[in-house]
Amino acid sequence: MDPLGRDVSHEARSVTGRSGHGEAAVREALLDSGRRLFAAHGYAGASLRRIAREAGVNPAMVHYYFGDKRGLYRHIFEETAAPVLTRLRRLLFAGSTERDPIRAFVASLMGTLAAAPWLAALLTRDVLAPDGEYREEFVRTYAVPGGSGLAELIAREVSAGRLRADLDPELAALSLMSLALHPFLALPVARRVFDVPAEPARVARLVDHTVRLFYSGAGAPAPLGAFIVTQEETAP
């Protein structure tokens, strides 16, 4: 049933039958349409009707698969941002044997932003803008657990002697997040000025630069002969 009491399960089967695709394809078409239109127009500017039209289905299909427009929007964020939080939790709590957990987190975050270029547009329009439609939910669901988790990871690295003993973990987390996020938030302008390696195939260079820059200010003084491991040096 949709919010108007209509049985849309039969309609979903009819649509998939006429199109020759399964329900999974219809659902993915709605997600793809939603990503593009939310990124271009923001949550408020992307109508449910247009999202459905560009996906080639009836608007009732949004209710069938996601509950409502908010549910579709929430799912788009969740499928992309949640894995970054999961990666951070594993680095913190699962007895990770990562040689460089800071690099692992930065690679996860920047790799996600590179693979989903529409995500930075959503953050700009619906989280960072003064009237951001999704700000409160984003802060509660992603920013608070992500920021506190990264600060905890940095504090652990300080205790292990890999970062400076006088480092403020919360301020260091803010600085690291800024270094990792800003190239993607600024990409519409930055790519016209600099050779920003923000595509998935080139993002390793940007990750390496970001991690080196962070360690140059936050890293503990290295003993004689020590060095910062780069991605190229750890590659098989």
C-alpha atoms as a PDB file:
ATOM      1  CA  MET A   1       0.000   0.000   0.000  1.00  0.00           C
ATOM      2  CA  ASP A   2       1.143   3.555  -0.720  1.00  0.00           C
ATOM      3  CA  PRO A   3       0.242   6.496   1.587  1.00  0.00           C
ATOM      4  CA  LEU A   4      -3.089   6.876  -0.258  1.00  0.00           C
ATOM      5  CA  GLY A   5      -4.056   3.285   0.438  1.00  0.00           C
ATOM      6  CA  ARG A   6      -3.398   2.019  -3.088  1.00  0.00           C
ATOM      7  CA  ASP A   7      -1.922  -1.431  -3.675  1.00  0.00           C
ATOM      8  CA  VAL A   8       1.217  -0.708  -5.691  1.00  0.00           C
ATOM      9  CA  SER A   9       2.772  -4.170  -5.507  1.00  0.00           C
ATOM     10  CA  HIS A  10       0.700  -5.253  -8.523  1.00  0.00           C
ATOM     11  CA  GLU A  11       1.700  -2.077 -10.350  1.00  0.00           C
ATOM     12  CA  ALA A  12       5.359  -2.761  -9.604  1.00  0.00           C
ATOM     13  CA  ARG A  13       5.062  -6.212 -11.117  1.00  0.00           C
ATOM     14  CA  SER A  14       3.236  -4.785 -14.126  1.00  0.00           C
ATOM     15  CA  VAL A  15       5.873  -2.117 -14.718  1.00  0.00           C
ATOM     16  CA  THR A  16       8.730  -4.587 -14.485  1.00  0.00           C
ATOM     17  CA  GLY A  17       6.893  -6.980 -16.768  1.00  0.00           C
ATOM     18  CA  ARG A  18       6.319  -4.355 -19.456  1.00  0.00           C
ATOM     19  CA  SER A  19       9.889  -3.080 -19.277  1.00  0.00           C
ATOM     20  CA  GLY A  20      11.457  -6.514 -19.348  1.00  0.00           C
ATOM     21  CA  HIS A  21      13.470  -5.735 -16.220  1.00  0.00           C
ATOM     22  CA  GLY A  22      13.176  -7.020 -12.687  1.00  0.00           C
ATOM     23  CA  GLU A  23      12.129  -5.014  -9.667  1.00  0.00           C
ATOM     24  CA  ALA A  24      15.789  -4.491  -8.756  1.00  0.00           C
ATOM     25  CA  ALA A  25      16.291  -2.631 -12.040  1.00  0.00           C
ATOM     26  CA  VAL A  26      13.310  -0.364 -11.360  1.00  0.00           C
ATOM     27  CA  ARG A  27      14.611   0.365  -7.870  1.00  0.00           C
ATOM     28  CA  GLU A  28      18.085   1.174  -9.222  1.00  0.00           C
ATOM     29  CA  ALA A  29      16.555   3.434 -11.891  1.00  0.00           C
ATOM     30  CA  LEU A  30      14.844   5.422  -9.140  1.00  0.00           C
ATOM     31  CA  LEU A  31      18.100   5.658  -7.179  1.00  0.00           C
ATOM     32  CA  ASP A  32      20.014   6.817 -10.248  1.00  0.00           C
ATOM     33  CA  SER A  33      17.376   9.410 -11.098  1.00  0.00           C
ATOM     34  CA  GLY A  34      17.295  10.582  -7.481  1.00  0.00           C
ATOM     35  CA  ARG A  35      21.079  10.949  -7.286  1.00  0.00           C
ATOM     36  CA  ARG A  36      21.183  13.097 -10.419  1.00  0.00           C
ATOM     37  CA  LEU A  37      18.208  15.304  -9.592  1.00  0.00           C
ATOM     38  CA  PHE A  38      18.994  15.777  -5.902  1.00  0.00           C
ATOM     39  CA  ALA A  39      22.578  16.717  -6.810  1.00  0.00           C
ATOM     40  CA  ALA A  40      21.408  19.190  -9.454  1.00  0.00           C
ATOM     41  CA  HIS A  41      18.479  20.759  -7.597  1.00  0.00           C
ATOM     42  CA  GLY A  42      18.739  19.791  -3.921  1.00  0.00           C
ATOM     43  CA  TYR A  43      16.121  17.949  -1.916  1.00  0.00           C
ATOM     44  CA  ALA A  44      13.485  20.680  -2.148  1.00  0.00           C
ATOM     45  CA  GLY A  45      14.009  21.319  -5.854  1.00  0.00           C
ATOM     46  CA  ALA A  46      13.769  17.711  -7.044  1.00  0.00           C
ATOM     47  CA  SER A  47      10.118  16.705  -7.244  1.00  0.00           C
ATOM     48  CA  LEU A  48       9.049  13.134  -6.674  1.00  0.00           C
ATOM     49  CA  ARG A  49       7.119  13.261  -9.949  1.00  0.00           C
ATOM     50  CA  ARG A  50      10.186  14.251 -11.967  1.00  0.00           C
ATOM     51  CA  ILE A  51      12.355  11.643 -10.259  1.00  0.00           C
ATOM     52  CA  ALA A  52       9.832   8.967 -11.224  1.00  0.00           C
ATOM     53  CA  ARG A  53       9.411  10.314 -14.757  1.00  0.00           C
ATOM     54  CA  GLU A  54      13.153  10.251 -15.463  1.00  0.00           C
ATOM     55  CA  ALA A  55      13.284   6.728 -14.050  1.00  0.00           C
ATOM     56  CA  GLY A  56      10.460   5.763 -16.414  1.00  0.00           C
ATOM     57  CA  VAL A  57       8.020   4.673 -13.704  1.00  0.00           C
ATOM     58  CA  ASN A  58       4.904   5.857 -11.869  1.00  0.00           C
ATOM     59  CA  PRO A  59       5.519   8.082  -8.792  1.00  0.00           C
ATOM     60  CA  ALA A  60       3.806   5.397  -6.705  1.00  0.00           C
ATOM     61  CA  MET A  61       6.931   3.288  -7.205  1.00  0.00           C
ATOM     62  CA  VAL A  62       8.886   5.680  -4.970  1.00  0.00           C
ATOM     63  CA  HIS A  63       6.422   4.928  -2.170  1.00  0.00           C
ATOM     64  CA  TYR A  64       6.590   1.207  -2.909  1.00  0.00           C
ATOM     65  CA  TYR A  65      10.376   0.973  -2.645  1.00  0.00           C
ATOM     66  CA  PHE A  66      11.342   3.818  -0.295  1.00  0.00           C
ATOM     67  CA  GLY A  67       8.231   5.010   1.543  1.00  0.00           C
ATOM     68  CA  ASP A  68       8.421   8.601   0.304  1.00  0.00           C
ATOM     69  CA  LYS A  69      10.833  11.129  -1.197  1.00  0.00           C
ATOM     70  CA  ARG A  70      12.612  11.505   2.139  1.00  0.00           C
ATOM     71  CA  GLY A  71      13.098   7.755   2.296  1.00  0.00           C
ATOM     72  CA  LEU A  72      14.664   7.760  -1.172  1.00  0.00           C
ATOM     73  CA  TYR A  73      16.967  10.625  -0.221  1.00  0.00           C
ATOM     74  CA  ARG A  74      17.932   8.943   3.043  1.00  0.00           C
ATOM     75  CA  HIS A  75      18.730   5.680   1.244  1.00  0.00           C
ATOM     76  CA  ILE A  76      20.963   7.480  -1.272  1.00  0.00           C
ATOM     77  CA  PHE A  77      23.020   8.922   1.585  1.00  0.00           C
ATOM     78  CA  GLU A  78      23.041   5.680   3.548  1.00  0.00           C
ATOM     79  CA  GLU A  79      24.282   3.446   0.740  1.00  0.00           C
ATOM     80  CA  THR A  80      27.238   5.785   0.172  1.00  0.00           C
ATOM     81  CA  ALA A  81      28.172   7.272   3.541  1.00  0.00           C
ATOM     82  CA  ALA A  82      27.447   4.331   5.846  1.00  0.00           C
ATOM     83  CA  PRO A  83      30.362   2.196   4.519  1.00  0.00           C
ATOM     84  CA  VAL A  84      32.815   4.971   5.486  1.00  0.00           C
ATOM     85  CA  LEU A  85      31.532   4.854   9.077  1.00  0.00           C
ATOM     86  CA  THR A  86      31.709   1.066   9.033  1.00  0.00           C
ATOM     87  CA  ARG A  87      35.340   1.271   7.927  1.00  0.00           C
ATOM     88  CA  LEU A  88      36.107   3.721  10.735  1.00  0.00           C
ATOM     89  CA  ARG A  89      34.462   1.457  13.336  1.00  0.00           C
ATOM     90  CA  ARG A  90      36.537  -1.482  12.138  1.00  0.00           C
ATOM     91  CA  LEU A  91      39.702   0.560  12.457  1.00  0.00           C
ATOM     92  CA  LEU A  92      38.698   1.438  16.012  1.00  0.00           C
ATOM     93  CA  PHE A  93      37.132  -1.658  17.477  1.00  0.00           C
ATOM     94  CA  ALA A  94      37.922  -4.767  15.472  1.00  0.00           C
ATOM     95  CA  GLY A  95      41.559  -5.155  16.442  1.00  0.00           C
ATOM     96  CA  SER A  96      42.637  -3.743  13.103  1.00  0.00           C
ATOM     97  CA  THR A  97      46.129  -4.647  11.985  1.00  0.00           C
ATOM     98  CA  GLU A  98      46.295  -1.692   9.597  1.00  0.00           C
ATOM     99  CA  ARG A  99      49.839  -0.387   9.508  1.00  0.00           C
ATOM    100  CA  ASP A 100      48.509   3.137   8.963  1.00  0.00           C
ATOM    101  CA  PRO A 101      44.870   3.550  10.105  1.00  0.00           C
ATOM    102  CA  ILE A 102      44.888   7.279   9.342  1.00  0.00           C
ATOM    103  CA  ARG A 103      45.705   6.538   5.710  1.00  0.00           C
ATOM    104  CA  ALA A 104      43.101   3.772   5.632  1.00  0.00           C
ATOM    105  CA  PHE A 105      40.364   6.164   6.785  1.00  0.00           C
ATOM    106  CA  VAL A 106      41.388   8.940   4.395  1.00  0.00           C
ATOM    107  CA  ALA A 107      41.492   6.468   1.495  1.00  0.00           C
ATOM    108  CA  SER A 108      38.003   5.235   2.394  1.00  0.00           C
ATOM    109  CA  LEU A 109      36.521   8.743   2.598  1.00  0.00           C
ATOM    110  CA  MET A 110      38.217  10.192  -0.477  1.00  0.00           C
ATOM    111  CA  GLY A 111      37.646   7.033  -2.492  1.00  0.00           C
ATOM    112  CA  THR A 112      33.934   7.248  -1.703  1.00  0.00           C
ATOM    113  CA  LEU A 113      33.734  10.899  -2.741  1.00  0.00           C
ATOM    114  CA  ALA A 114      35.614  10.172  -5.961  1.00  0.00           C
ATOM    115  CA  ALA A 115      33.388   7.222  -6.859  1.00  0.00           C
ATOM    116  CA  ALA A 116      30.176   9.151  -6.070  1.00  0.00           C
ATOM    117  CA  PRO A 117      30.742  12.687  -7.424  1.00  0.00           C
ATOM    118  CA  TRP A 118      27.114  13.610  -6.742  1.00  0.00           C
ATOM    119  CA  LEU A 119      27.702  13.221  -2.976  1.00  0.00           C
ATOM    120  CA  ALA A 120      29.697  16.451  -2.674  1.00  0.00           C
ATOM    121  CA  ALA A 121      26.863  18.304  -4.425  1.00  0.00           C
ATOM    122  CA  LEU A 122      24.343  16.919  -1.922  1.00  0.00           C
ATOM    123  CA  LEU A 123      26.562  17.968   0.978  1.00  0.00           C
ATOM    124  CA  THR A 124      26.901  21.474  -0.448  1.00  0.00           C
ATOM    125  CA  ARG A 125      23.206  21.979  -1.199  1.00  0.00           C
ATOM    126  CA  ASP A 126      21.459  20.171   1.627  1.00  0.00           C
ATOM    127  CA  VAL A 127      23.937  20.067   4.532  1.00  0.00           C
ATOM    128  CA  LEU A 128      26.306  23.043   4.337  1.00  0.00           C
ATOM    129  CA  ALA A 129      23.893  25.638   2.919  1.00  0.00           C
ATOM    130  CA  PRO A 130      22.258  27.903   5.549  1.00  0.00           C
ATOM    131  CA  ASP A 131      18.853  26.347   4.902  1.00  0.00           C
ATOM    132  CA  GLY A 132      20.209  22.828   4.398  1.00  0.00           C
ATOM    133  CA  GLU A 133      17.272  20.420   4.323  1.00  0.00           C
ATOM    134  CA  TYR A 134      19.285  17.423   5.509  1.00  0.00           C
ATOM    135  CA  ARG A 135      21.662  19.107   7.962  1.00  0.00           C
ATOM    136  CA  GLU A 136      20.211  17.951  11.265  1.00  0.00           C
ATOM    137  CA  GLU A 137      19.792  14.347  10.178  1.00  0.00           C
ATOM    138  CA  PHE A 138      23.272  14.306   8.619  1.00  0.00           C
ATOM    139  CA  VAL A 139      24.856  15.703  11.783  1.00  0.00           C
ATOM    140  CA  ARG A 140      23.061  13.167  13.964  1.00  0.00           C
ATOM    141  CA  THR A 141      23.588  10.145  11.711  1.00  0.00           C
ATOM    142  CA  TYR A 142      27.021  10.729  10.178  1.00  0.00           C
ATOM    143  CA  ALA A 143      28.896  13.806  11.417  1.00  0.00           C
ATOM    144  CA  VAL A 144      28.719  13.133  15.164  1.00  0.00           C
ATOM    145  CA  PRO A 145      29.680   9.428  15.053  1.00  0.00           C
ATOM    146  CA  GLY A 146      32.209  10.050  12.282  1.00  0.00           C
ATOM    147  CA  GLY A 147      33.842  13.048  13.940  1.00  0.00           C
ATOM    148  CA  SER A 148      33.994  11.490  17.396  1.00  0.00           C
ATOM    149  CA  GLY A 149      35.259   8.226  15.933  1.00  0.00           C
ATOM    150  CA  LEU A 150      38.031   9.958  14.014  1.00  0.00           C
ATOM    151  CA  ALA A 151      39.023  11.950  17.117  1.00  0.00           C
ATOM    152  CA  GLU A 152      39.194   8.678  19.047  1.00  0.00           C
ATOM    153  CA  LEU A 153      41.343   7.109  16.340  1.00  0.00           C
ATOM    154  CA  ILE A 154      43.698  10.087  16.426  1.00  0.00           C
ATOM    155  CA  ALA A 155      43.886   9.928  20.242  1.00  0.00           C
ATOM    156  CA  ARG A 156      44.846   6.273  19.963  1.00  0.00           C
ATOM    157  CA  GLU A 157      47.591   7.129  17.475  1.00  0.00           C
ATOM    158  CA  VAL A 158      48.856   9.814  19.870  1.00  0.00           C
ATOM    159  CA  SER A 159      48.974   7.263  22.699  1.00  0.00           C
ATOM    160  CA  ALA A 160      50.860   4.867  20.433  1.00  0.00           C
ATOM    161  CA  GLY A 161      53.474   7.536  19.768  1.00  0.00           C
ATOM    162  CA  ARG A 162      52.713   7.855  16.065  1.00  0.00           C
ATOM    163  CA  LEU A 163      51.276  11.371  16.354  1.00  0.00           C
ATOM    164  CA  ARG A 164      52.511  14.358  18.354  1.00  0.00           C
ATOM    165  CA  ALA A 165      51.874  14.161  22.085  1.00  0.00           C
ATOM    166  CA  ASP A 166      50.615  17.771  22.226  1.00  0.00           C
ATOM    167  CA  LEU A 167      47.979  17.203  19.537  1.00  0.00           C
ATOM    168  CA  ASP A 168      44.334  18.032  20.305  1.00  0.00           C
ATOM    169  CA  PRO A 169      42.483  14.997  18.862  1.00  0.00           C
ATOM    170  CA  GLU A 170      39.259  16.894  18.120  1.00  0.00           C
ATOM    171  CA  LEU A 171      40.992  19.780  16.344  1.00  0.00           C
ATOM    172  CA  ALA A 172      43.222  17.330  14.495  1.00  0.00           C
ATOM    173  CA  ALA A 173      40.123  15.392  13.384  1.00  0.00           C
ATOM    174  CA  LEU A 174      38.567  18.628  12.117  1.00  0.00           C
ATOM    175  CA  SER A 175      41.740  19.483  10.199  1.00  0.00           C
ATOM    176  CA  LEU A 176      42.011  16.029   8.656  1.00  0.00           C
ATOM    177  CA  MET A 177      38.344  16.017   7.613  1.00  0.00           C
ATOM    178  CA  SER A 178      38.822  19.444   6.049  1.00  0.00           C
ATOM    179  CA  LEU A 179      41.843  18.251   4.083  1.00  0.00           C
ATOM    180  CA  ALA A 180      39.963  15.213   2.811  1.00  0.00           C
ATOM    181  CA  LEU A 181      36.614  16.841   2.030  1.00  0.00           C
ATOM    182  CA  HIS A 182      37.519  20.233   0.605  1.00  0.00           C
ATOM    183  CA  PRO A 183      38.985  19.131  -2.746  1.00  0.00           C
ATOM    184  CA  PHE A 184      35.647  17.511  -3.597  1.00  0.00           C
ATOM    185  CA  LEU A 185      33.436  20.305  -2.251  1.00  0.00           C
ATOM    186  CA  ALA A 186      35.503  22.840  -4.211  1.00  0.00           C
ATOM    187  CA  LEU A 187      35.861  20.668  -7.314  1.00  0.00           C
ATOM    188  CA  PRO A 188      33.602  22.724  -9.648  1.00  0.00           C
ATOM    189  CA  VAL A 189      36.085  25.605  -9.284  1.00  0.00           C
ATOM    190  CA  ALA A 190      39.273  23.739  -8.344  1.00  0.00           C
ATOM    191  CA  ARG A 191      39.280  21.550 -11.451  1.00  0.00           C
ATOM    192  CA  ARG A 192      39.365  24.720 -13.588  1.00  0.00           C
ATOM    193  CA  VAL A 193      42.426  26.028 -11.758  1.00  0.00           C
ATOM    194  CA  PHE A 194      44.429  22.965 -10.685  1.00  0.00           C
ATOM    195  CA  ASP A 195      45.044  19.469 -11.968  1.00  0.00           C
ATOM    196  CA  VAL A 196      42.955  17.917  -9.196  1.00  0.00           C
ATOM    197  CA  PRO A 197      43.260  14.097  -9.329  1.00  0.00           C
ATOM    198  CA  ALA A 198      39.728  13.513  -8.040  1.00  0.00           C
ATOM    199  CA  GLU A 199      38.670  10.764 -10.450  1.00  0.00           C
ATOM    200  CA  PRO A 200      38.557   7.222  -8.980  1.00  0.00           C
ATOM    201  CA  ALA A 201      41.523   6.055 -11.075  1.00  0.00           C
ATOM    202  CA  ARG A 202      43.730   8.938  -9.890  1.00  0.00           C
ATOM    203  CA  VAL A 203      42.535   9.544  -6.353  1.00  0.00           C
ATOM    204  CA  ALA A 204      45.422   7.552  -4.802  1.00  0.00           C
ATOM    205  CA  ARG A 205      47.687  10.505  -5.590  1.00  0.00           C
ATOM    206  CA  LEU A 206      45.349  12.870  -3.739  1.00  0.00           C
ATOM    207  CA  VAL A 207      45.124  10.475  -0.783  1.00  0.00           C
ATOM    208  CA  ASP A 208      48.913  10.272  -0.565  1.00  0.00           C
ATOM    209  CA  HIS A 209      49.259  14.064  -0.697  1.00  0.00           C
ATOM    210  CA  THR A 210      46.601  14.541   2.002  1.00  0.00           C
ATOM    211  CA  VAL A 211      48.124  11.984   4.371  1.00  0.00           C
ATOM    212  CA  ARG A 212      51.648  13.343   3.903  1.00  0.00           C
ATOM    213  CA  LEU A 213      50.449  16.887   4.545  1.00  0.00           C
ATOM    214  CA  PHE A 214      48.638  15.809   7.724  1.00  0.00           C
ATOM    215  CA  TYR A 215      51.629  13.873   9.037  1.00  0.00           C
ATOM    216  CA  SER A 216      53.999  16.744   8.256  1.00  0.00           C
ATOM    217  CA  GLY A 217      52.212  18.775  10.919  1.00  0.00           C
ATOM    218  CA  ALA A 218      50.738  16.113  13.200  1.00  0.00           C
ATOM    219  CA  GLY A 219      53.221  13.273  13.012  1.00  0.00           C
ATOM    220  CA  ALA A 220      55.476  12.455  15.939  1.00  0.00           C
ATOM    221  CA  PRO A 221      59.177  13.201  15.393  1.00  0.00           C
ATOM    222  CA  ALA A 222      60.476  10.180  13.515  1.00  0.00           C
ATOM    223  CA  PRO A 223      63.437   8.217  14.849  1.00  0.00           C
ATOM    224  CA  LEU A 224      66.517   8.082  12.674  1.00  0.00           C
ATOM    225  CA  GLY A 225      65.838   6.051   9.552  1.00  0.00           C
ATOM    226  CA  ALA A 226      62.043   6.062   9.898  1.00  0.00           C
ATOM    227  CA  PHE A 227      59.802   7.151   7.057  1.00  0.00           C
ATOM    228  CA  ILE A 228      56.129   7.621   6.237  1.00  0.00           C
ATOM    229  CA  VAL A 229      54.766   4.748   4.199  1.00  0.00           C
ATOM    230  CA  THR A 230      53.171   5.761   0.901  1.00  0.00           C
ATOM    231  CA  GLN A 231      50.644   3.796  -1.065  1.00  0.00           C
ATOM    232  CA  GLU A 232      53.189   3.140  -3.800  1.00  0.00           C
ATOM    233  CA  GLU A 233      55.632   1.708  -1.258  1.00  0.00           C
ATOM    234  CA  THR A 234      53.042  -0.684   0.162  1.00  0.00           C
ATOM    235  CA  ALA A 235      51.765  -1.880  -3.211  1.00  0.00           C
ATOM    236  CA  PRO A 236      52.644  -5.493  -4.088  1.00  0.00           C
END
